[in-house]
Amino acid sequence: MMAKTGTTREKTTLILLLFVVLLVASHEESGGMGVDAACNNLPMSCWLKCGRPGGCNRCCKKHGFVRGECVGIDCYCCRE
């Protein structure tokens, strides 16, 4: 008799947990990776713009920033 390796629910939970860990790791890692002190990840409407080329930059400029820069999946708007 073969034992089950895991239910669908357990696998889904494991995948979600792994996704959360990756998100947290990329957010912590972005603190010193090419982002100036003059940059921040506000406005909130620009957060998910890094999926398309130039999306972050366009969004930040629309909100009055000089440029936008993606670090991982985070969009940082810069004043300088």
PDB file of N, CA and C in Angstrom:
ATOM      1  N   MET A   1       0.835  -1.174   0.000  1.00  0.00           N
ATOM      2  CA  MET A   1       0.000   0.000   0.000  1.00  0.00           C
ATOM      3  C   MET A   1       0.888   1.248   0.000  1.00  0.00           C
ATOM      4  N   MET A   2       0.634   2.177  -0.900  1.00  0.00           N
ATOM      5  CA  MET A   2       1.446   3.383  -1.016  1.00  0.00           C
ATOM      6  C   MET A   2       0.866   4.503  -0.159  1.00  0.00           C
ATOM      7  N   ALA A   3       1.753   5.230   0.468  1.00  0.00           N
ATOM      8  CA  ALA A   3       1.321   6.365   1.279  1.00  0.00           C
ATOM      9  C   ALA A   3       1.203   7.604   0.397  1.00  0.00           C
ATOM     10  N   LYS A   4       0.253   8.465   0.728  1.00  0.00           N
ATOM     11  CA  LYS A   4       0.092   9.712  -0.010  1.00  0.00           C
ATOM     12  C   LYS A   4       1.255  10.647   0.319  1.00  0.00           C
ATOM     13  N   THR A   5       1.711  11.383  -0.676  1.00  0.00           N
ATOM     14  CA  THR A   5       2.822  12.306  -0.437  1.00  0.00           C
ATOM     15  C   THR A   5       2.344  13.658   0.068  1.00  0.00           C
ATOM     16  N   GLY A   6       1.093  13.962  -0.016  1.00  0.00           N
ATOM     17  CA  GLY A   6       0.558  15.230   0.479  1.00  0.00           C
ATOM     18  C   GLY A   6      -0.734  15.567  -0.240  1.00  0.00           C
ATOM     19  N   THR A   7      -1.609  16.197   0.469  1.00  0.00           N
ATOM     20  CA  THR A   7      -2.876  16.566  -0.134  1.00  0.00           C
ATOM     21  C   THR A   7      -2.717  17.860  -0.924  1.00  0.00           C
ATOM     22  N   THR A   8      -3.680  18.159  -1.720  1.00  0.00           N
ATOM     23  CA  THR A   8      -3.664  19.380  -2.521  1.00  0.00           C
ATOM     24  C   THR A   8      -3.626  20.604  -1.613  1.00  0.00           C
ATOM     25  N   ARG A   9      -4.347  20.536  -0.519  1.00  0.00           N
ATOM     26  CA  ARG A   9      -4.378  21.667   0.417  1.00  0.00           C
ATOM     27  C   ARG A   9      -2.992  21.905   1.022  1.00  0.00           C
ATOM     28  N   GLU A  10      -2.302  20.841   1.396  1.00  0.00           N
ATOM     29  CA  GLU A  10      -0.955  20.975   1.963  1.00  0.00           C
ATOM     30  C   GLU A  10       0.017  21.537   0.931  1.00  0.00           C
ATOM     31  N   LYS A  11      -0.097  21.090  -0.299  1.00  0.00           N
ATOM     32  CA  LYS A  11       0.771  21.592  -1.354  1.00  0.00           C
ATOM     33  C   LYS A  11       0.505  23.069  -1.628  1.00  0.00           C
ATOM     34  N   THR A  12      -0.758  23.463  -1.662  1.00  0.00           N
ATOM     35  CA  THR A  12      -1.117  24.860  -1.877  1.00  0.00           C
ATOM     36  C   THR A  12      -0.595  25.728  -0.745  1.00  0.00           C
ATOM     37  N   THR A  13      -0.725  25.269   0.468  1.00  0.00           N
ATOM     38  CA  THR A  13      -0.226  26.018   1.622  1.00  0.00           C
ATOM     39  C   THR A  13       1.279  26.172   1.542  1.00  0.00           C
ATOM     40  N   LEU A  14       1.971  25.128   1.159  1.00  0.00           N
ATOM     41  CA  LEU A  14       3.430  25.188   1.034  1.00  0.00           C
ATOM     42  C   LEU A  14       3.857  26.169  -0.055  1.00  0.00           C
ATOM     43  N   ILE A  15       3.162  26.163  -1.175  1.00  0.00           N
ATOM     44  CA  ILE A  15       3.477  27.091  -2.267  1.00  0.00           C
ATOM     45  C   ILE A  15       3.228  28.528  -1.843  1.00  0.00           C
ATOM     46  N   LEU A  16       2.117  28.787  -1.163  1.00  0.00           N
ATOM     47  CA  LEU A  16       1.820  30.135  -0.670  1.00  0.00           C
ATOM     48  C   LEU A  16       2.858  30.603   0.347  1.00  0.00           C
ATOM     49  N   LEU A  17       3.266  29.718   1.227  1.00  0.00           N
ATOM     50  CA  LEU A  17       4.277  30.056   2.219  1.00  0.00           C
ATOM     51  C   LEU A  17       5.604  30.397   1.537  1.00  0.00           C
ATOM     52  N   LEU A  18       5.981  29.638   0.541  1.00  0.00           N
ATOM     53  CA  LEU A  18       7.201  29.904  -0.208  1.00  0.00           C
ATOM     54  C   LEU A  18       7.120  31.256  -0.923  1.00  0.00           C
ATOM     55  N   PHE A  19       5.975  31.567  -1.486  1.00  0.00           N
ATOM     56  CA  PHE A  19       5.768  32.847  -2.159  1.00  0.00           C
ATOM     57  C   PHE A  19       5.921  34.013  -1.180  1.00  0.00           C
ATOM     58  N   VAL A  20       5.347  33.895   0.007  1.00  0.00           N
ATOM     59  CA  VAL A  20       5.454  34.943   1.025  1.00  0.00           C
ATOM     60  C   VAL A  20       6.916  35.123   1.449  1.00  0.00           C
ATOM     61  N   VAL A  21       7.625  34.031   1.637  1.00  0.00           N
ATOM     62  CA  VAL A  21       9.040  34.112   2.019  1.00  0.00           C
ATOM     63  C   VAL A  21       9.847  34.829   0.932  1.00  0.00           C
ATOM     64  N   LEU A  22       9.589  34.519  -0.325  1.00  0.00           N
ATOM     65  CA  LEU A  22      10.288  35.178  -1.421  1.00  0.00           C
ATOM     66  C   LEU A  22       9.966  36.671  -1.484  1.00  0.00           C
ATOM     67  N   LEU A  23       8.708  37.026  -1.246  1.00  0.00           N
ATOM     68  CA  LEU A  23       8.338  38.439  -1.232  1.00  0.00           C
ATOM     69  C   LEU A  23       9.047  39.196  -0.124  1.00  0.00           C
ATOM     70  N   VAL A  24       9.069  38.625   1.063  1.00  0.00           N
ATOM     71  CA  VAL A  24       9.733  39.275   2.199  1.00  0.00           C
ATOM     72  C   VAL A  24      11.232  39.392   1.929  1.00  0.00           C
ATOM     73  N   ALA A  25      11.829  38.346   1.389  1.00  0.00           N
ATOM     74  CA  ALA A  25      13.265  38.376   1.109  1.00  0.00           C
ATOM     75  C   ALA A  25      13.598  39.434   0.063  1.00  0.00           C
ATOM     76  N   SER A  26      12.786  39.571  -0.965  1.00  0.00           N
ATOM     77  CA  SER A  26      13.069  40.576  -1.993  1.00  0.00           C
ATOM     78  C   SER A  26      12.864  41.980  -1.448  1.00  0.00           C
ATOM     79  N   HIS A  27      11.926  42.153  -0.533  1.00  0.00           N
ATOM     80  CA  HIS A  27      11.691  43.476   0.054  1.00  0.00           C
ATOM     81  C   HIS A  27      12.847  43.873   0.967  1.00  0.00           C
ATOM     82  N   GLU A  28      13.337  42.954   1.781  1.00  0.00           N
ATOM     83  CA  GLU A  28      14.463  43.236   2.671  1.00  0.00           C
ATOM     84  C   GLU A  28      15.724  43.489   1.870  1.00  0.00           C
ATOM     85  N   GLU A  29      15.893  42.768   0.784  1.00  0.00           N
ATOM     86  CA  GLU A  29      17.073  42.878  -0.049  1.00  0.00           C
ATOM     87  C   GLU A  29      17.123  44.219  -0.776  1.00  0.00           C
ATOM     88  N   SER A  30      15.977  44.818  -1.034  1.00  0.00           N
ATOM     89  CA  SER A  30      15.927  46.049  -1.815  1.00  0.00           C
ATOM     90  C   SER A  30      16.420  47.261  -1.054  1.00  0.00           C
ATOM     91  N   GLY A  31      16.634  47.155   0.236  1.00  0.00           N
ATOM     92  CA  GLY A  31      17.073  48.287   1.029  1.00  0.00           C
ATOM     93  C   GLY A  31      18.370  48.901   0.567  1.00  0.00           C
ATOM     94  N   GLY A  32      19.324  48.140   0.101  1.00  0.00           N
ATOM     95  CA  GLY A  32      20.594  48.688  -0.303  1.00  0.00           C
ATOM     96  C   GLY A  32      20.940  48.447  -1.758  1.00  0.00           C
ATOM     97  N   MET A  33      20.008  48.043  -2.554  1.00  0.00           N
ATOM     98  CA  MET A  33      20.305  47.702  -3.941  1.00  0.00           C
ATOM     99  C   MET A  33      19.961  48.826  -4.901  1.00  0.00           C
ATOM    100  N   GLY A  34      20.834  49.791  -5.070  1.00  0.00           N
ATOM    101  CA  GLY A  34      20.656  50.789  -6.098  1.00  0.00           C
ATOM    102  C   GLY A  34      19.565  51.803  -5.873  1.00  0.00           C
ATOM    103  N   VAL A  35      18.997  51.880  -4.710  1.00  0.00           N
ATOM    104  CA  VAL A  35      17.949  52.858  -4.446  1.00  0.00           C
ATOM    105  C   VAL A  35      18.517  53.952  -3.549  1.00  0.00           C
ATOM    106  N   ASP A  36      18.443  55.202  -4.031  1.00  0.00           N
ATOM    107  CA  ASP A  36      18.961  56.338  -3.277  1.00  0.00           C
ATOM    108  C   ASP A  36      18.087  56.666  -2.087  1.00  0.00           C
ATOM    109  N   ALA A  37      18.616  57.518  -1.211  1.00  0.00           N
ATOM    110  CA  ALA A  37      17.828  58.003  -0.072  1.00  0.00           C
ATOM    111  C   ALA A  37      16.690  58.891  -0.552  1.00  0.00           C
ATOM    112  N   ALA A  38      16.830  59.478  -1.746  1.00  0.00           N
ATOM    113  CA  ALA A  38      15.793  60.354  -2.295  1.00  0.00           C
ATOM    114  C   ALA A  38      14.655  59.557  -2.938  1.00  0.00           C
ATOM    115  N   CYS A  39      14.723  58.238  -2.894  1.00  0.00           N
ATOM    116  CA  CYS A  39      13.698  57.383  -3.496  1.00  0.00           C
ATOM    117  C   CYS A  39      12.880  56.697  -2.410  1.00  0.00           C
ATOM    118  N   ASN A  40      11.602  56.507  -2.682  1.00  0.00           N
ATOM    119  CA  ASN A  40      10.754  55.734  -1.781  1.00  0.00           C
ATOM    120  C   ASN A  40       9.724  54.973  -2.602  1.00  0.00           C
ATOM    121  N   ASN A  41       9.064  54.024  -1.963  1.00  0.00           N
ATOM    122  CA  ASN A  41       8.095  53.216  -2.707  1.00  0.00           C
ATOM    123  C   ASN A  41       6.674  53.746  -2.534  1.00  0.00           C
ATOM    124  N   LEU A  42       6.527  55.046  -2.595  1.00  0.00           N
ATOM    125  CA  LEU A  42       5.229  55.699  -2.622  1.00  0.00           C
ATOM    126  C   LEU A  42       5.159  56.477  -3.917  1.00  0.00           C
ATOM    127  N   PRO A  43       4.081  56.700  -4.519  1.00  0.00           N
ATOM    128  CA  PRO A  43       2.706  56.404  -4.145  1.00  0.00           C
ATOM    129  C   PRO A  43       2.349  54.931  -4.337  1.00  0.00           C
ATOM    130  N   MET A  44       1.361  54.513  -3.598  1.00  0.00           N
ATOM    131  CA  MET A  44       0.961  53.111  -3.608  1.00  0.00           C
ATOM    132  C   MET A  44       0.465  52.657  -4.969  1.00  0.00           C
ATOM    133  N   SER A  45      -0.071  53.554  -5.755  1.00  0.00           N
ATOM    134  CA  SER A  45      -0.593  53.167  -7.067  1.00  0.00           C
ATOM    135  C   SER A  45       0.507  52.690  -8.005  1.00  0.00           C
ATOM    136  N   CYS A  46       1.772  52.948  -7.689  1.00  0.00           N
ATOM    137  CA  CYS A  46       2.889  52.526  -8.547  1.00  0.00           C
ATOM    138  C   CYS A  46       3.499  51.196  -8.100  1.00  0.00           C
ATOM    139  N   TRP A  47       3.038  50.603  -7.027  1.00  0.00           N
ATOM    140  CA  TRP A  47       3.652  49.397  -6.481  1.00  0.00           C
ATOM    141  C   TRP A  47       3.752  48.250  -7.471  1.00  0.00           C
ATOM    142  N   LEU A  48       2.724  47.990  -8.227  1.00  0.00           N
ATOM    143  CA  LEU A  48       2.702  46.797  -9.089  1.00  0.00           C
ATOM    144  C   LEU A  48       3.030  47.118 -10.538  1.00  0.00           C
ATOM    145  N   LYS A  49       3.727  48.196 -10.801  1.00  0.00           N
ATOM    146  CA  LYS A  49       4.017  48.606 -12.169  1.00  0.00           C
ATOM    147  C   LYS A  49       5.294  47.986 -12.731  1.00  0.00           C
ATOM    148  N   CYS A  50       6.032  47.225 -11.962  1.00  0.00           N
ATOM    149  CA  CYS A  50       7.300  46.664 -12.417  1.00  0.00           C
ATOM    150  C   CYS A  50       7.126  45.446 -13.319  1.00  0.00           C
ATOM    151  N   GLY A  51       5.920  45.016 -13.543  1.00  0.00           N
ATOM    152  CA  GLY A  51       5.671  43.874 -14.418  1.00  0.00           C
ATOM    153  C   GLY A  51       5.809  44.223 -15.885  1.00  0.00           C
ATOM    154  N   ARG A  52       5.715  45.510 -16.218  1.00  0.00           N
ATOM    155  CA  ARG A  52       5.820  45.952 -17.613  1.00  0.00           C
ATOM    156  C   ARG A  52       7.015  46.881 -17.757  1.00  0.00           C
ATOM    157  N   PRO A  53       7.773  46.756 -18.825  1.00  0.00           N
ATOM    158  CA  PRO A  53       8.925  47.644 -19.040  1.00  0.00           C
ATOM    159  C   PRO A  53       8.489  49.111 -19.082  1.00  0.00           C
ATOM    160  N   GLY A  54       9.133  49.924 -18.267  1.00  0.00           N
ATOM    161  CA  GLY A  54       8.843  51.361 -18.227  1.00  0.00           C
ATOM    162  C   GLY A  54       7.623  51.752 -17.413  1.00  0.00           C
ATOM    163  N   GLY A  55       6.886  50.796 -16.905  1.00  0.00           N
ATOM    164  CA  GLY A  55       5.656  51.090 -16.167  1.00  0.00           C
ATOM    165  C   GLY A  55       5.900  51.874 -14.894  1.00  0.00           C
ATOM    166  N   CYS A  56       6.916  51.503 -14.151  1.00  0.00           N
ATOM    167  CA  CYS A  56       7.254  52.185 -12.903  1.00  0.00           C
ATOM    168  C   CYS A  56       7.673  53.627 -13.183  1.00  0.00           C
ATOM    169  N   ASN A  57       8.529  53.816 -14.166  1.00  0.00           N
ATOM    170  CA  ASN A  57       9.017  55.149 -14.520  1.00  0.00           C
ATOM    171  C   ASN A  57       7.857  56.053 -14.945  1.00  0.00           C
ATOM    172  N   ARG A  58       6.964  55.556 -15.802  1.00  0.00           N
ATOM    173  CA  ARG A  58       5.811  56.342 -16.247  1.00  0.00           C
ATOM    174  C   ARG A  58       4.906  56.716 -15.079  1.00  0.00           C
ATOM    175  N   CYS A  59       4.645  55.763 -14.199  1.00  0.00           N
ATOM    176  CA  CYS A  59       3.763  56.007 -13.059  1.00  0.00           C
ATOM    177  C   CYS A  59       4.354  57.076 -12.142  1.00  0.00           C
ATOM    178  N   CYS A  60       5.637  56.967 -11.853  1.00  0.00           N
ATOM    179  CA  CYS A  60       6.278  57.939 -10.961  1.00  0.00           C
ATOM    180  C   CYS A  60       6.291  59.331 -11.573  1.00  0.00           C
ATOM    181  N   LYS A  61       6.591  59.422 -12.857  1.00  0.00           N
ATOM    182  CA  LYS A  61       6.582  60.727 -13.518  1.00  0.00           C
ATOM    183  C   LYS A  61       5.186  61.338 -13.502  1.00  0.00           C
ATOM    184  N   LYS A  62       4.167  60.504 -13.657  1.00  0.00           N
ATOM    185  CA  LYS A  62       2.781  60.977 -13.615  1.00  0.00           C
ATOM    186  C   LYS A  62       2.448  61.592 -12.260  1.00  0.00           C
ATOM    187  N   HIS A  63       3.116  61.113 -11.201  1.00  0.00           N
ATOM    188  CA  HIS A  63       2.873  61.612  -9.846  1.00  0.00           C
ATOM    189  C   HIS A  63       3.862  62.703  -9.434  1.00  0.00           C
ATOM    190  N   GLY A  64       4.619  63.239 -10.389  1.00  0.00           N
ATOM    191  CA  GLY A  64       5.487  64.372 -10.117  1.00  0.00           C
ATOM    192  C   GLY A  64       6.913  64.041  -9.696  1.00  0.00           C
ATOM    193  N   PHE A  65       7.314  62.782  -9.778  1.00  0.00           N
ATOM    194  CA  PHE A  65       8.682  62.403  -9.448  1.00  0.00           C
ATOM    195  C   PHE A  65       9.548  62.518 -10.698  1.00  0.00           C
ATOM    196  N   VAL A  66      10.852  62.578 -10.515  1.00  0.00           N
ATOM    197  CA  VAL A  66      11.787  62.699 -11.635  1.00  0.00           C
ATOM    198  C   VAL A  66      11.897  61.388 -12.404  1.00  0.00           C
ATOM    199  N   ARG A  67      11.926  60.265 -11.681  1.00  0.00           N
ATOM    200  CA  ARG A  67      12.069  58.959 -12.330  1.00  0.00           C
ATOM    201  C   ARG A  67      11.530  57.869 -11.417  1.00  0.00           C
ATOM    202  N   GLY A  68      11.375  56.695 -11.983  1.00  0.00           N
ATOM    203  CA  GLY A  68      10.981  55.511 -11.236  1.00  0.00           C
ATOM    204  C   GLY A  68      11.964  54.400 -11.496  1.00  0.00           C
ATOM    205  N   GLU A  69      12.174  53.558 -10.503  1.00  0.00           N
ATOM    206  CA  GLU A  69      13.182  52.501 -10.590  1.00  0.00           C
ATOM    207  C   GLU A  69      12.641  51.234  -9.943  1.00  0.00           C
ATOM    208  N   CYS A  70      12.728  50.117 -10.658  1.00  0.00           N
ATOM    209  CA  CYS A  70      12.276  48.840 -10.115  1.00  0.00           C
ATOM    210  C   CYS A  70      13.423  48.133  -9.417  1.00  0.00           C
ATOM    211  N   VAL A  71      13.151  47.620  -8.245  1.00  0.00           N
ATOM    212  CA  VAL A  71      14.080  46.765  -7.515  1.00  0.00           C
ATOM    213  C   VAL A  71      13.264  45.539  -7.121  1.00  0.00           C
ATOM    214  N   GLY A  72      13.532  44.437  -7.800  1.00  0.00           N
ATOM    215  CA  GLY A  72      12.708  43.253  -7.604  1.00  0.00           C
ATOM    216  C   GLY A  72      11.321  43.552  -8.151  1.00  0.00           C
ATOM    217  N   ILE A  73      10.311  43.403  -7.323  1.00  0.00           N
ATOM    218  CA  ILE A  73       8.950  43.734  -7.749  1.00  0.00           C
ATOM    219  C   ILE A  73       8.493  45.072  -7.193  1.00  0.00           C
ATOM    220  N   ASP A  74       9.361  45.755  -6.453  1.00  0.00           N
ATOM    221  CA  ASP A  74       9.018  47.043  -5.861  1.00  0.00           C
ATOM    222  C   ASP A  74       9.363  48.185  -6.799  1.00  0.00           C
ATOM    223  N   CYS A  75       8.463  49.151  -6.905  1.00  0.00           N
ATOM    224  CA  CYS A  75       8.677  50.355  -7.708  1.00  0.00           C
ATOM    225  C   CYS A  75       9.036  51.494  -6.758  1.00  0.00           C
ATOM    226  N   TYR A  76      10.198  52.103  -6.967  1.00  0.00           N
ATOM    227  CA  TYR A  76      10.653  53.227  -6.149  1.00  0.00           C
ATOM    228  C   TYR A  76      10.614  54.499  -6.988  1.00  0.00           C
ATOM    229  N   CYS A  77       9.938  55.541  -6.479  1.00  0.00           N
ATOM    230  CA  CYS A  77       9.866  56.832  -7.143  1.00  0.00           C
ATOM    231  C   CYS A  77      10.930  57.734  -6.531  1.00  0.00           C
ATOM    232  N   CYS A  78      11.681  58.424  -7.402  1.00  0.00           N
ATOM    233  CA  CYS A  78      12.832  59.224  -6.954  1.00  0.00           C
ATOM    234  C   CYS A  78      12.623  60.704  -7.261  1.00  0.00           C
ATOM    235  N   ARG A  79      13.030  61.545  -6.315  1.00  0.00           N
ATOM    236  CA  ARG A  79      12.905  62.990  -6.465  1.00  0.00           C
ATOM    237  C   ARG A  79      14.115  63.604  -7.160  1.00  0.00           C
ATOM    238  N   GLU A  80      15.216  62.906  -7.230  1.00  0.00           N
ATOM    239  CA  GLU A  80      16.436  63.429  -7.873  1.00  0.00           C
ATOM    240  C   GLU A  80      16.782  62.613  -9.090  1.00  0.00           C
TER     241      GLU A  80
END
